[in-house]
Amino acid sequence: MKLTTKVTELLDIEFPIIMAPMFLVSNEAMMRSAMDSGIMGCFPSLNYRNEGEFEGILDNLNKYKKENNVTGNYGVNLIVQKSNPLFVKHLQVCIDKKVPFYITSLGSPAEVIEKAHSYGAKVFCDVTNVEHAQKCYDLGCDGFIAVGQGAGGHAGPFPLQLLVPSLKKQFPNMPVVSAGSVATGEGIVSMLAVGAEGVSIGTRYIACPEAGVNDAYKNAIVDAKMKDIVMTDKISGTPCTIINTPYAKKIGYKQNWLEKKLSTNKRTKKYFKLLIAFRGMKRLEKSIKPAGYDTLWCAGQSVEMIDEIMPIKQITEKFKTETFETLAKLKRFSAKEVLA
């Protein structure tokens, strides 16, 4: 089942879903399943930090894409701010391996755009407001990932029903992908209705056999409701959504006065943010391993609509079926019936 939009044409995929890059969750098996399912699979470069790992997965994905009749594609998410010590190295590896698609987060995408465009790759930028989008637009990005309320991980402050149309109003020719609170085909259609040409979905794809996280995390996604999702800045220093587990309550959701001071002081903020990010990464790593007990799990409010663990292909086929069923249902409404 195909659904053609600006995003599918630009990214060479069959259906306008981006499997969102998820720190410590996204892996090679998930990328292969995404490509097989006709969607875009993305993973954070920081999921591969040991020597040779990142180069290895890119070689494997390029080979898989070349040798198999896939209808989807893959891409890499780069954290472009100074707190990422591997950015320069990982970007160069991506250029050498000719990664077809990039998502940039938390900084200026200028260098990524320039180098990716040198061989025809596309770059979409995470944005949470029109002002940030304008900066990315001026640098020549190919599209926006509109990160709104309800998203897992680093969520935005505005509802997507306003953020997406505002981006389309300001940048009418720029493809916009909505990110946040979608776990059904009805949700996909709702985002298309307000102007998005695609959707970025993360949380729903955590509850799948391909994800390398422990079963407790996957079951927590199934069991949690939207009221169980809270915002914390204790993990990375940037507001991030997590499941409100006993461990999350124990460590708290807000930085203390000293942490806030060190995060804003000109002399200390760069190094302290590196420390916070490293400490948060280690906490998350402990929580996703088979014997993990800290239960610090990122997730979005779409957990409300997730009821079971399913393979990626099955999840995606369900999205496609629900999307076309919803579109058909809407076509049956006449203007007279709606107004009545």
C-alpha atoms as a PDB file:
ATOM      1  CA  MET A   1       0.000   0.000   0.000  1.00  0.00           C
ATOM      2  CA  LYS A   2       1.499   3.264  -1.148  1.00  0.00           C
ATOM      3  CA  LEU A   3       0.684   6.789  -0.062  1.00  0.00           C
ATOM      4  CA  THR A   4       2.515   9.438  -2.071  1.00  0.00           C
ATOM      5  CA  THR A   5       3.481  12.780  -0.511  1.00  0.00           C
ATOM      6  CA  LYS A   6       6.370  15.206  -0.844  1.00  0.00           C
ATOM      7  CA  VAL A   7       8.165  13.229   1.854  1.00  0.00           C
ATOM      8  CA  THR A   8       7.848   9.836   0.148  1.00  0.00           C
ATOM      9  CA  GLU A   9       9.077  11.296  -3.134  1.00  0.00           C
ATOM     10  CA  LEU A  10      11.969  13.167  -1.551  1.00  0.00           C
ATOM     11  CA  LEU A  11      13.146  10.291   0.639  1.00  0.00           C
ATOM     12  CA  ASP A  12      12.465   7.415  -1.769  1.00  0.00           C
ATOM     13  CA  ILE A  13      10.046   5.534   0.479  1.00  0.00           C
ATOM     14  CA  GLU A  14       6.641   3.947  -0.070  1.00  0.00           C
ATOM     15  CA  PHE A  15       4.704   5.313   2.911  1.00  0.00           C
ATOM     16  CA  PRO A  16       5.204   8.627   4.785  1.00  0.00           C
ATOM     17  CA  ILE A  17       6.401   7.244   8.116  1.00  0.00           C
ATOM     18  CA  ILE A  18       9.793   7.928   9.640  1.00  0.00           C
ATOM     19  CA  MET A  19      10.663   5.462  12.374  1.00  0.00           C
ATOM     20  CA  ALA A  20      12.059   8.035  14.777  1.00  0.00           C
ATOM     21  CA  PRO A  21      15.668   7.745  15.927  1.00  0.00           C
ATOM     22  CA  MET A  22      15.611   6.574  19.533  1.00  0.00           C
ATOM     23  CA  PHE A  23      18.664   6.747  21.761  1.00  0.00           C
ATOM     24  CA  LEU A  24      19.831   3.272  22.850  1.00  0.00           C
ATOM     25  CA  VAL A  25      16.743   1.684  21.225  1.00  0.00           C
ATOM     26  CA  SER A  26      17.116   1.956  17.433  1.00  0.00           C
ATOM     27  CA  ASN A  27      19.327  -0.787  15.984  1.00  0.00           C
ATOM     28  CA  GLU A  28      20.274  -2.514  12.748  1.00  0.00           C
ATOM     29  CA  ALA A  29      17.447  -5.048  12.892  1.00  0.00           C
ATOM     30  CA  MET A  30      14.910  -2.229  13.239  1.00  0.00           C
ATOM     31  CA  MET A  31      16.429  -0.374  10.277  1.00  0.00           C
ATOM     32  CA  ARG A  32      16.223  -3.470   8.082  1.00  0.00           C
ATOM     33  CA  SER A  33      12.603  -4.063   9.054  1.00  0.00           C
ATOM     34  CA  ALA A  34      11.782  -0.426   8.338  1.00  0.00           C
ATOM     35  CA  MET A  35      13.314  -0.638   4.867  1.00  0.00           C
ATOM     36  CA  ASP A  36      11.461  -3.892   4.194  1.00  0.00           C
ATOM     37  CA  SER A  37       8.207  -2.215   5.286  1.00  0.00           C
ATOM     38  CA  GLY A  38       8.548   0.721   2.895  1.00  0.00           C
ATOM     39  CA  ILE A  39       9.224   3.428   5.479  1.00  0.00           C
ATOM     40  CA  MET A  40      12.246   5.457   6.583  1.00  0.00           C
ATOM     41  CA  GLY A  41      14.178   3.981   9.488  1.00  0.00           C
ATOM     42  CA  CYS A  42      16.459   6.353  11.412  1.00  0.00           C
ATOM     43  CA  PHE A  43      18.878   5.783  14.254  1.00  0.00           C
ATOM     44  CA  PRO A  44      21.064   8.098  16.362  1.00  0.00           C
ATOM     45  CA  SER A  45      24.755   7.880  15.535  1.00  0.00           C
ATOM     46  CA  LEU A  46      25.398   7.926  19.292  1.00  0.00           C
ATOM     47  CA  ASN A  47      23.923   4.443  19.594  1.00  0.00           C
ATOM     48  CA  TYR A  48      27.279   3.276  18.180  1.00  0.00           C
ATOM     49  CA  ARG A  49      30.144   4.755  20.170  1.00  0.00           C
ATOM     50  CA  ASN A  50      32.763   1.986  20.199  1.00  0.00           C
ATOM     51  CA  GLU A  51      35.546   1.978  17.624  1.00  0.00           C
ATOM     52  CA  GLY A  52      34.383   0.630  14.271  1.00  0.00           C
ATOM     53  CA  GLU A  53      30.749   0.058  15.294  1.00  0.00           C
ATOM     54  CA  PHE A  54      29.277   3.009  13.438  1.00  0.00           C
ATOM     55  CA  GLU A  55      31.173   2.276  10.240  1.00  0.00           C
ATOM     56  CA  GLY A  56      30.052  -1.339  10.491  1.00  0.00           C
ATOM     57  CA  ILE A  57      26.329  -0.684  10.705  1.00  0.00           C
ATOM     58  CA  LEU A  58      26.452   1.771   7.795  1.00  0.00           C
ATOM     59  CA  ASP A  59      28.296  -0.786   5.647  1.00  0.00           C
ATOM     60  CA  ASN A  60      25.706  -3.410   6.573  1.00  0.00           C
ATOM     61  CA  LEU A  61      22.734  -1.159   5.819  1.00  0.00           C
ATOM     62  CA  ASN A  62      24.166   0.011   2.505  1.00  0.00           C
ATOM     63  CA  LYS A  63      24.786  -3.594   1.510  1.00  0.00           C
ATOM     64  CA  TYR A  64      21.307  -4.680   2.616  1.00  0.00           C
ATOM     65  CA  LYS A  65      19.689  -1.852   0.684  1.00  0.00           C
ATOM     66  CA  LYS A  66      21.675  -2.659  -2.448  1.00  0.00           C
ATOM     67  CA  GLU A  67      21.142  -6.424  -2.406  1.00  0.00           C
ATOM     68  CA  ASN A  68      17.453  -6.528  -1.448  1.00  0.00           C
ATOM     69  CA  ASN A  69      14.335  -5.242  -3.139  1.00  0.00           C
ATOM     70  CA  VAL A  70      13.435  -2.827  -0.345  1.00  0.00           C
ATOM     71  CA  THR A  71      10.815  -0.098  -0.726  1.00  0.00           C
ATOM     72  CA  GLY A  72      12.031   1.900   2.255  1.00  0.00           C
ATOM     73  CA  ASN A  73      15.232   3.685   3.205  1.00  0.00           C
ATOM     74  CA  TYR A  74      17.430   4.540   6.186  1.00  0.00           C
ATOM     75  CA  GLY A  75      18.936   7.638   7.757  1.00  0.00           C
ATOM     76  CA  VAL A  76      21.081   8.854  10.631  1.00  0.00           C
ATOM     77  CA  ASN A  77      20.258  11.305  13.404  1.00  0.00           C
ATOM     78  CA  LEU A  78      23.141  13.572  14.403  1.00  0.00           C
ATOM     79  CA  ILE A  79      23.221  15.640  17.583  1.00  0.00           C
ATOM     80  CA  VAL A  80      24.968  18.715  16.229  1.00  0.00           C
ATOM     81  CA  GLN A  81      25.517  20.717  19.402  1.00  0.00           C
ATOM     82  CA  LYS A  82      28.912  20.992  21.115  1.00  0.00           C
ATOM     83  CA  SER A  83      27.898  18.570  23.870  1.00  0.00           C
ATOM     84  CA  ASN A  84      28.305  15.713  21.357  1.00  0.00           C
ATOM     85  CA  PRO A  85      32.041  14.912  21.297  1.00  0.00           C
ATOM     86  CA  LEU A  86      31.594  12.436  18.418  1.00  0.00           C
ATOM     87  CA  PHE A  87      29.778  14.778  16.034  1.00  0.00           C
ATOM     88  CA  VAL A  88      32.758  15.638  13.801  1.00  0.00           C
ATOM     89  CA  LYS A  89      33.908  12.024  13.579  1.00  0.00           C
ATOM     90  CA  HIS A  90      30.435  10.612  12.964  1.00  0.00           C
ATOM     91  CA  LEU A  91      29.588  13.203  10.321  1.00  0.00           C
ATOM     92  CA  GLN A  92      32.722  12.351   8.369  1.00  0.00           C
ATOM     93  CA  VAL A  93      31.893   8.642   8.541  1.00  0.00           C
ATOM     94  CA  CYS A  94      28.396   9.413   7.238  1.00  0.00           C
ATOM     95  CA  ILE A  95      29.808  11.395   4.329  1.00  0.00           C
ATOM     96  CA  ASP A  96      32.322   8.651   3.504  1.00  0.00           C
ATOM     97  CA  LYS A  97      29.561   6.013   3.527  1.00  0.00           C
ATOM     98  CA  LYS A  98      27.133   8.308   1.656  1.00  0.00           C
ATOM     99  CA  VAL A  99      24.251   8.098   4.119  1.00  0.00           C
ATOM    100  CA  PRO A 100      21.097   8.991   2.124  1.00  0.00           C
ATOM    101  CA  PHE A 101      19.199  10.894   4.823  1.00  0.00           C
ATOM    102  CA  TYR A 102      19.942  12.909   7.948  1.00  0.00           C
ATOM    103  CA  ILE A 103      17.948  14.305  10.854  1.00  0.00           C
ATOM    104  CA  THR A 104      19.746  17.009  12.833  1.00  0.00           C
ATOM    105  CA  SER A 105      18.947  17.854  16.451  1.00  0.00           C
ATOM    106  CA  LEU A 106      19.894  20.404  19.106  1.00  0.00           C
ATOM    107  CA  GLY A 107      22.183  22.794  17.220  1.00  0.00           C
ATOM    108  CA  SER A 108      23.127  24.392  13.919  1.00  0.00           C
ATOM    109  CA  PRO A 109      22.781  21.990  10.955  1.00  0.00           C
ATOM    110  CA  ALA A 110      24.966  24.135   8.654  1.00  0.00           C
ATOM    111  CA  GLU A 111      27.873  21.698   8.291  1.00  0.00           C
ATOM    112  CA  VAL A 112      25.621  18.664   7.864  1.00  0.00           C
ATOM    113  CA  ILE A 113      23.574  20.386   5.148  1.00  0.00           C
ATOM    114  CA  GLU A 114      26.633  21.527   3.224  1.00  0.00           C
ATOM    115  CA  LYS A 115      28.368  18.140   3.251  1.00  0.00           C
ATOM    116  CA  ALA A 116      25.235  16.029   2.703  1.00  0.00           C
ATOM    117  CA  HIS A 117      24.167  18.117  -0.274  1.00  0.00           C
ATOM    118  CA  SER A 118      27.589  17.591  -1.870  1.00  0.00           C
ATOM    119  CA  TYR A 119      26.454  14.108  -2.913  1.00  0.00           C
ATOM    120  CA  GLY A 120      22.658  14.537  -2.998  1.00  0.00           C
ATOM    121  CA  ALA A 121      21.623  13.393   0.481  1.00  0.00           C
ATOM    122  CA  LYS A 122      18.643  15.034   2.178  1.00  0.00           C
ATOM    123  CA  VAL A 123      18.623  16.780   5.556  1.00  0.00           C
ATOM    124  CA  PHE A 124      15.571  17.332   7.753  1.00  0.00           C
ATOM    125  CA  CYS A 125      15.953  19.390  10.930  1.00  0.00           C
ATOM    126  CA  ASP A 126      14.195  18.958  14.268  1.00  0.00           C
ATOM    127  CA  VAL A 127      12.376  22.208  15.042  1.00  0.00           C
ATOM    128  CA  THR A 128      10.046  23.192  17.876  1.00  0.00           C
ATOM    129  CA  ASN A 129       9.102  26.700  16.728  1.00  0.00           C
ATOM    130  CA  VAL A 130       8.994  28.944  13.664  1.00  0.00           C
ATOM    131  CA  GLU A 131      12.077  30.937  14.718  1.00  0.00           C
ATOM    132  CA  HIS A 132      14.305  27.866  14.812  1.00  0.00           C
ATOM    133  CA  ALA A 133      12.777  26.665  11.554  1.00  0.00           C
ATOM    134  CA  GLN A 134      13.682  29.955   9.886  1.00  0.00           C
ATOM    135  CA  LYS A 135      17.352  29.470  10.756  1.00  0.00           C
ATOM    136  CA  CYS A 136      17.337  25.951   9.323  1.00  0.00           C
ATOM    137  CA  TYR A 137      15.470  27.129   6.225  1.00  0.00           C
ATOM    138  CA  ASP A 138      18.014  29.872   5.618  1.00  0.00           C
ATOM    139  CA  LEU A 139      20.786  27.255   5.774  1.00  0.00           C
ATOM    140  CA  GLY A 140      19.096  25.231   3.037  1.00  0.00           C
ATOM    141  CA  CYS A 141      17.592  22.219   4.815  1.00  0.00           C
ATOM    142  CA  ASP A 142      15.276  19.932   2.845  1.00  0.00           C
ATOM    143  CA  GLY A 143      12.498  19.597   5.410  1.00  0.00           C
ATOM    144  CA  PHE A 144      11.384  20.019   9.012  1.00  0.00           C
ATOM    145  CA  ILE A 145      10.658  17.500  11.749  1.00  0.00           C
ATOM    146  CA  ALA A 146       8.041  19.403  13.752  1.00  0.00           C
ATOM    147  CA  VAL A 147       8.569  18.193  17.327  1.00  0.00           C
ATOM    148  CA  GLY A 148       5.486  18.963  19.375  1.00  0.00           C
ATOM    149  CA  GLN A 149       3.756  18.185  22.623  1.00  0.00           C
ATOM    150  CA  GLY A 150       3.437  14.528  23.510  1.00  0.00           C
ATOM    151  CA  ALA A 151       6.592  13.438  21.708  1.00  0.00           C
ATOM    152  CA  GLY A 152       8.910  10.936  23.356  1.00  0.00           C
ATOM    153  CA  GLY A 153      12.366  12.119  24.369  1.00  0.00           C
ATOM    154  CA  HIS A 154      12.970  15.822  23.749  1.00  0.00           C
ATOM    155  CA  ALA A 155       9.396  17.031  23.196  1.00  0.00           C
ATOM    156  CA  GLY A 156       8.390  20.489  22.020  1.00  0.00           C
ATOM    157  CA  PRO A 157       6.203  23.024  23.850  1.00  0.00           C
ATOM    158  CA  PHE A 158       3.474  23.495  21.226  1.00  0.00           C
ATOM    159  CA  PRO A 159       0.609  21.266  20.022  1.00  0.00           C
ATOM    160  CA  LEU A 160       1.182  19.842  16.558  1.00  0.00           C
ATOM    161  CA  GLN A 161      -2.255  21.042  15.453  1.00  0.00           C
ATOM    162  CA  LEU A 162      -0.758  24.546  15.668  1.00  0.00           C
ATOM    163  CA  LEU A 163       2.940  23.953  15.039  1.00  0.00           C
ATOM    164  CA  VAL A 164       2.505  22.130  11.715  1.00  0.00           C
ATOM    165  CA  PRO A 165       0.107  24.683  10.148  1.00  0.00           C
ATOM    166  CA  SER A 166       2.251  27.562  11.367  1.00  0.00           C
ATOM    167  CA  LEU A 167       5.304  26.030   9.663  1.00  0.00           C
ATOM    168  CA  LYS A 168       3.333  25.462   6.467  1.00  0.00           C
ATOM    169  CA  LYS A 169       2.065  29.035   6.563  1.00  0.00           C
ATOM    170  CA  GLN A 170       5.577  30.448   6.922  1.00  0.00           C
ATOM    171  CA  PHE A 171       7.277  27.920   4.609  1.00  0.00           C
ATOM    172  CA  PRO A 172       4.579  26.678   2.183  1.00  0.00           C
ATOM    173  CA  ASN A 173       6.953  24.713  -0.046  1.00  0.00           C
ATOM    174  CA  MET A 174       8.911  23.010   2.718  1.00  0.00           C
ATOM    175  CA  PRO A 175       7.999  19.389   3.601  1.00  0.00           C
ATOM    176  CA  VAL A 176       6.929  19.048   7.237  1.00  0.00           C
ATOM    177  CA  VAL A 177       6.960  15.816   9.231  1.00  0.00           C
ATOM    178  CA  SER A 178       5.028  15.839  12.505  1.00  0.00           C
ATOM    179  CA  ALA A 179       6.607  14.206  15.560  1.00  0.00           C
ATOM    180  CA  GLY A 180       4.588  13.382  18.644  1.00  0.00           C
ATOM    181  CA  SER A 181       1.535  11.494  19.944  1.00  0.00           C
ATOM    182  CA  VAL A 182       0.811   9.316  16.892  1.00  0.00           C
ATOM    183  CA  ALA A 183       0.304   5.569  17.330  1.00  0.00           C
ATOM    184  CA  THR A 184      -2.613   4.866  14.961  1.00  0.00           C
ATOM    185  CA  GLY A 185      -3.580   5.385  11.338  1.00  0.00           C
ATOM    186  CA  GLU A 186      -6.221   7.852  12.506  1.00  0.00           C
ATOM    187  CA  GLY A 187      -3.431   9.873  14.075  1.00  0.00           C
ATOM    188  CA  ILE A 188      -1.491   9.818  10.817  1.00  0.00           C
ATOM    189  CA  VAL A 189      -4.495  11.139   8.891  1.00  0.00           C
ATOM    190  CA  SER A 190      -5.025  13.889  11.463  1.00  0.00           C
ATOM    191  CA  MET A 191      -1.479  15.118  10.887  1.00  0.00           C
ATOM    192  CA  LEU A 192      -1.869  14.971   7.107  1.00  0.00           C
ATOM    193  CA  ALA A 193      -5.065  16.994   7.513  1.00  0.00           C
ATOM    194  CA  VAL A 194      -3.276  19.896   9.210  1.00  0.00           C
ATOM    195  CA  GLY A 195      -0.563  20.043   6.559  1.00  0.00           C
ATOM    196  CA  ALA A 196       2.112  17.452   7.406  1.00  0.00           C
ATOM    197  CA  GLU A 197       3.510  15.380   4.548  1.00  0.00           C
ATOM    198  CA  GLY A 198       4.688  12.650   6.883  1.00  0.00           C
ATOM    199  CA  VAL A 199       4.837  11.513  10.502  1.00  0.00           C
ATOM    200  CA  SER A 200       7.738  10.568  12.749  1.00  0.00           C
ATOM    201  CA  ILE A 201       6.793   7.709  15.077  1.00  0.00           C
ATOM    202  CA  GLY A 202       9.019   6.445  17.858  1.00  0.00           C
ATOM    203  CA  THR A 203       7.267   5.135  20.962  1.00  0.00           C
ATOM    204  CA  ARG A 204       5.062   2.651  19.083  1.00  0.00           C
ATOM    205  CA  TYR A 205       8.162   1.010  17.610  1.00  0.00           C
ATOM    206  CA  ILE A 206       9.774   0.409  21.000  1.00  0.00           C
ATOM    207  CA  ALA A 207       7.222  -2.337  21.698  1.00  0.00           C
ATOM    208  CA  CYS A 208       8.541  -4.701  19.031  1.00  0.00           C
ATOM    209  CA  PRO A 209      10.662  -7.882  19.084  1.00  0.00           C
ATOM    210  CA  GLU A 210      13.385  -6.218  16.988  1.00  0.00           C
ATOM    211  CA  ALA A 211      14.141  -3.581  19.624  1.00  0.00           C
ATOM    212  CA  GLY A 212      17.142  -4.604  21.710  1.00  0.00           C
ATOM    213  CA  VAL A 213      15.802  -3.241  25.002  1.00  0.00           C
ATOM    214  CA  ASN A 214      14.653  -5.419  27.872  1.00  0.00           C
ATOM    215  CA  ASP A 215      11.130  -6.842  28.085  1.00  0.00           C
ATOM    216  CA  ALA A 216      10.354  -4.719  31.138  1.00  0.00           C
ATOM    217  CA  TYR A 217      10.737  -1.554  29.020  1.00  0.00           C
ATOM    218  CA  LYS A 218       8.550  -2.947  26.226  1.00  0.00           C
ATOM    219  CA  ASN A 219       5.887  -4.067  28.697  1.00  0.00           C
ATOM    220  CA  ALA A 220       5.990  -0.659  30.366  1.00  0.00           C
ATOM    221  CA  ILE A 221       5.171   0.932  26.995  1.00  0.00           C
ATOM    222  CA  VAL A 222       2.161  -1.377  26.675  1.00  0.00           C
ATOM    223  CA  ASP A 223       0.978  -0.842  30.249  1.00  0.00           C
ATOM    224  CA  ALA A 224       1.516   2.924  30.569  1.00  0.00           C
ATOM    225  CA  LYS A 225      -1.111   5.576  29.870  1.00  0.00           C
ATOM    226  CA  MET A 226      -0.640   9.184  28.792  1.00  0.00           C
ATOM    227  CA  LYS A 227      -1.049  10.340  32.391  1.00  0.00           C
ATOM    228  CA  ASP A 228       2.054   8.309  33.264  1.00  0.00           C
ATOM    229  CA  ILE A 229       4.343  10.379  31.012  1.00  0.00           C
ATOM    230  CA  VAL A 230       6.264  13.164  32.759  1.00  0.00           C
ATOM    231  CA  MET A 231       8.875  15.719  31.734  1.00  0.00           C
ATOM    232  CA  THR A 232      12.331  15.744  33.305  1.00  0.00           C
ATOM    233  CA  ASP A 233      15.558  17.691  32.775  1.00  0.00           C
ATOM    234  CA  LYS A 234      17.570  15.396  35.050  1.00  0.00           C
ATOM    235  CA  ILE A 235      18.692  13.054  32.252  1.00  0.00           C
ATOM    236  CA  SER A 236      20.281  15.327  29.646  1.00  0.00           C
ATOM    237  CA  GLY A 237      19.760  18.849  30.950  1.00  0.00           C
ATOM    238  CA  THR A 238      17.117  19.371  28.247  1.00  0.00           C
ATOM    239  CA  PRO A 239      13.438  18.630  29.017  1.00  0.00           C
ATOM    240  CA  CYS A 240      12.732  15.002  28.123  1.00  0.00           C
ATOM    241  CA  THR A 241       9.623  12.821  28.466  1.00  0.00           C
ATOM    242  CA  ILE A 242       9.818   9.559  30.420  1.00  0.00           C
ATOM    243  CA  ILE A 243       7.522   7.012  32.045  1.00  0.00           C
ATOM    244  CA  ASN A 244       6.847   7.997  35.632  1.00  0.00           C
ATOM    245  CA  THR A 245       8.354   4.940  37.309  1.00  0.00           C
ATOM    246  CA  PRO A 246       9.273   4.704  41.020  1.00  0.00           C
ATOM    247  CA  TYR A 247      12.925   5.260  40.070  1.00  0.00           C
ATOM    248  CA  ALA A 248      12.028   8.404  38.100  1.00  0.00           C
ATOM    249  CA  LYS A 249      10.169   9.717  41.132  1.00  0.00           C
ATOM    250  CA  LYS A 250      13.143   8.893  43.355  1.00  0.00           C
ATOM    251  CA  ILE A 251      15.707  10.901  41.361  1.00  0.00           C
ATOM    252  CA  GLY A 252      13.272  13.766  40.718  1.00  0.00           C
ATOM    253  CA  TYR A 253      12.365  15.691  37.590  1.00  0.00           C
ATOM    254  CA  LYS A 254      14.150  19.015  38.062  1.00  0.00           C
ATOM    255  CA  GLN A 255      17.786  20.010  38.345  1.00  0.00           C
ATOM    256  CA  ASN A 256      18.721  21.408  41.756  1.00  0.00           C
ATOM    257  CA  TRP A 257      19.908  24.992  42.219  1.00  0.00           C
ATOM    258  CA  LEU A 258      23.584  24.069  41.830  1.00  0.00           C
ATOM    259  CA  GLU A 259      22.971  22.075  38.639  1.00  0.00           C
ATOM    260  CA  LYS A 260      20.984  24.958  37.166  1.00  0.00           C
ATOM    261  CA  LYS A 261      23.761  27.399  38.033  1.00  0.00           C
ATOM    262  CA  LEU A 262      26.466  25.235  36.501  1.00  0.00           C
ATOM    263  CA  SER A 263      24.289  24.720  33.379  1.00  0.00           C
ATOM    264  CA  THR A 264      23.985  28.461  32.741  1.00  0.00           C
ATOM    265  CA  ASN A 265      27.371  29.810  33.840  1.00  0.00           C
ATOM    266  CA  LYS A 266      29.490  30.796  30.825  1.00  0.00           C
ATOM    267  CA  ARG A 267      32.601  29.156  32.231  1.00  0.00           C
ATOM    268  CA  THR A 268      31.049  25.882  33.310  1.00  0.00           C
ATOM    269  CA  LYS A 269      28.001  25.202  31.119  1.00  0.00           C
ATOM    270  CA  LYS A 270      29.811  23.442  28.262  1.00  0.00           C
ATOM    271  CA  TYR A 271      31.615  20.970  30.539  1.00  0.00           C
ATOM    272  CA  PHE A 272      28.719  20.516  32.940  1.00  0.00           C
ATOM    273  CA  LYS A 273      26.322  19.730  30.091  1.00  0.00           C
ATOM    274  CA  LEU A 274      28.777  17.116  28.875  1.00  0.00           C
ATOM    275  CA  LEU A 275      28.825  15.629  32.374  1.00  0.00           C
ATOM    276  CA  ILE A 276      25.013  15.646  32.634  1.00  0.00           C
ATOM    277  CA  ALA A 277      24.644  14.030  29.207  1.00  0.00           C
ATOM    278  CA  PHE A 278      27.215  11.339  30.083  1.00  0.00           C
ATOM    279  CA  ARG A 279      25.601  10.616  33.438  1.00  0.00           C
ATOM    280  CA  GLY A 280      22.138  10.468  31.859  1.00  0.00           C
ATOM    281  CA  MET A 281      23.363   8.145  29.123  1.00  0.00           C
ATOM    282  CA  LYS A 282      24.762   5.729  31.695  1.00  0.00           C
ATOM    283  CA  ARG A 283      21.493   5.754  33.639  1.00  0.00           C
ATOM    284  CA  LEU A 284      19.512   4.990  30.500  1.00  0.00           C
ATOM    285  CA  GLU A 285      21.915   2.211  29.502  1.00  0.00           C
ATOM    286  CA  LYS A 286      21.445   0.487  32.848  1.00  0.00           C
ATOM    287  CA  SER A 287      17.667   0.716  32.462  1.00  0.00           C
ATOM    288  CA  ILE A 288      17.388  -0.954  29.051  1.00  0.00           C
ATOM    289  CA  LYS A 289      19.723  -3.916  29.597  1.00  0.00           C
ATOM    290  CA  PRO A 290      18.258  -7.384  30.313  1.00  0.00           C
ATOM    291  CA  ALA A 291      19.181  -7.174  33.991  1.00  0.00           C
ATOM    292  CA  GLY A 292      18.329  -3.471  34.248  1.00  0.00           C
ATOM    293  CA  TYR A 293      16.626  -2.388  37.449  1.00  0.00           C
ATOM    294  CA  ASP A 294      16.682   1.423  37.383  1.00  0.00           C
ATOM    295  CA  THR A 295      13.576   1.701  35.124  1.00  0.00           C
ATOM    296  CA  LEU A 296      14.401   5.041  33.523  1.00  0.00           C
ATOM    297  CA  TRP A 297      12.540   4.793  30.214  1.00  0.00           C
ATOM    298  CA  CYS A 298      11.879   7.433  27.550  1.00  0.00           C
ATOM    299  CA  ALA A 299       8.415   7.388  25.970  1.00  0.00           C
ATOM    300  CA  GLY A 300       5.781   9.713  24.525  1.00  0.00           C
ATOM    301  CA  GLN A 301       2.123  10.175  25.392  1.00  0.00           C
ATOM    302  CA  SER A 302       1.122   7.831  22.549  1.00  0.00           C
ATOM    303  CA  VAL A 303       1.596   4.949  25.027  1.00  0.00           C
ATOM    304  CA  GLU A 304      -2.118   5.496  25.633  1.00  0.00           C
ATOM    305  CA  MET A 305      -2.867   3.801  22.292  1.00  0.00           C
ATOM    306  CA  ILE A 306      -0.337   0.934  22.472  1.00  0.00           C
ATOM    307  CA  ASP A 307      -1.768  -2.394  23.621  1.00  0.00           C
ATOM    308  CA  GLU A 308       0.652  -5.100  22.496  1.00  0.00           C
ATOM    309  CA  ILE A 309       4.161  -5.979  21.363  1.00  0.00           C
ATOM    310  CA  MET A 310       4.259  -6.622  17.602  1.00  0.00           C
ATOM    311  CA  PRO A 311       6.905  -7.050  14.880  1.00  0.00           C
ATOM    312  CA  ILE A 312       7.763  -3.886  12.966  1.00  0.00           C
ATOM    313  CA  LYS A 313       6.319  -5.163   9.706  1.00  0.00           C
ATOM    314  CA  GLN A 314       3.017  -5.909  11.433  1.00  0.00           C
ATOM    315  CA  ILE A 315       2.962  -2.532  13.176  1.00  0.00           C
ATOM    316  CA  THR A 316       3.582  -0.735   9.886  1.00  0.00           C
ATOM    317  CA  GLU A 317       0.972  -2.759   7.984  1.00  0.00           C
ATOM    318  CA  LYS A 318      -1.524  -1.888  10.704  1.00  0.00           C
ATOM    319  CA  PHE A 319      -0.649   1.800  10.286  1.00  0.00           C
ATOM    320  CA  LYS A 320      -1.200   1.548   6.545  1.00  0.00           C
ATOM    321  CA  THR A 321      -4.532  -0.284   6.850  1.00  0.00           C
ATOM    322  CA  GLU A 322      -5.861   2.139   9.468  1.00  0.00           C
ATOM    323  CA  THR A 323      -4.728   5.133   7.426  1.00  0.00           C
ATOM    324  CA  PHE A 324      -6.548   4.043   4.268  1.00  0.00           C
ATOM    325  CA  GLU A 325      -9.632   2.984   6.236  1.00  0.00           C
ATOM    326  CA  THR A 326      -9.748   6.417   7.860  1.00  0.00           C
ATOM    327  CA  LEU A 327      -9.302   8.204   4.551  1.00  0.00           C
ATOM    328  CA  ALA A 328     -12.114   6.130   3.047  1.00  0.00           C
ATOM    329  CA  LYS A 329     -14.334   6.883   6.030  1.00  0.00           C
ATOM    330  CA  LEU A 330     -13.772  10.614   5.643  1.00  0.00           C
ATOM    331  CA  LYS A 331     -14.566  10.477   1.929  1.00  0.00           C
ATOM    332  CA  ARG A 332     -18.031   9.194   2.789  1.00  0.00           C
ATOM    333  CA  PHE A 333     -18.856  12.456   4.535  1.00  0.00           C
ATOM    334  CA  SER A 334     -20.452  15.101   2.357  1.00  0.00           C
ATOM    335  CA  ALA A 335     -20.301  18.766   3.247  1.00  0.00           C
ATOM    336  CA  LYS A 336     -24.028  18.632   3.953  1.00  0.00           C
ATOM    337  CA  GLU A 337     -23.607  15.735   6.395  1.00  0.00           C
ATOM    338  CA  VAL A 338     -20.745  17.441   8.207  1.00  0.00           C
ATOM    339  CA  LEU A 339     -22.631  20.709   8.559  1.00  0.00           C
ATOM    340  CA  ALA A 340     -25.726  18.890   9.751  1.00  0.00           C
END
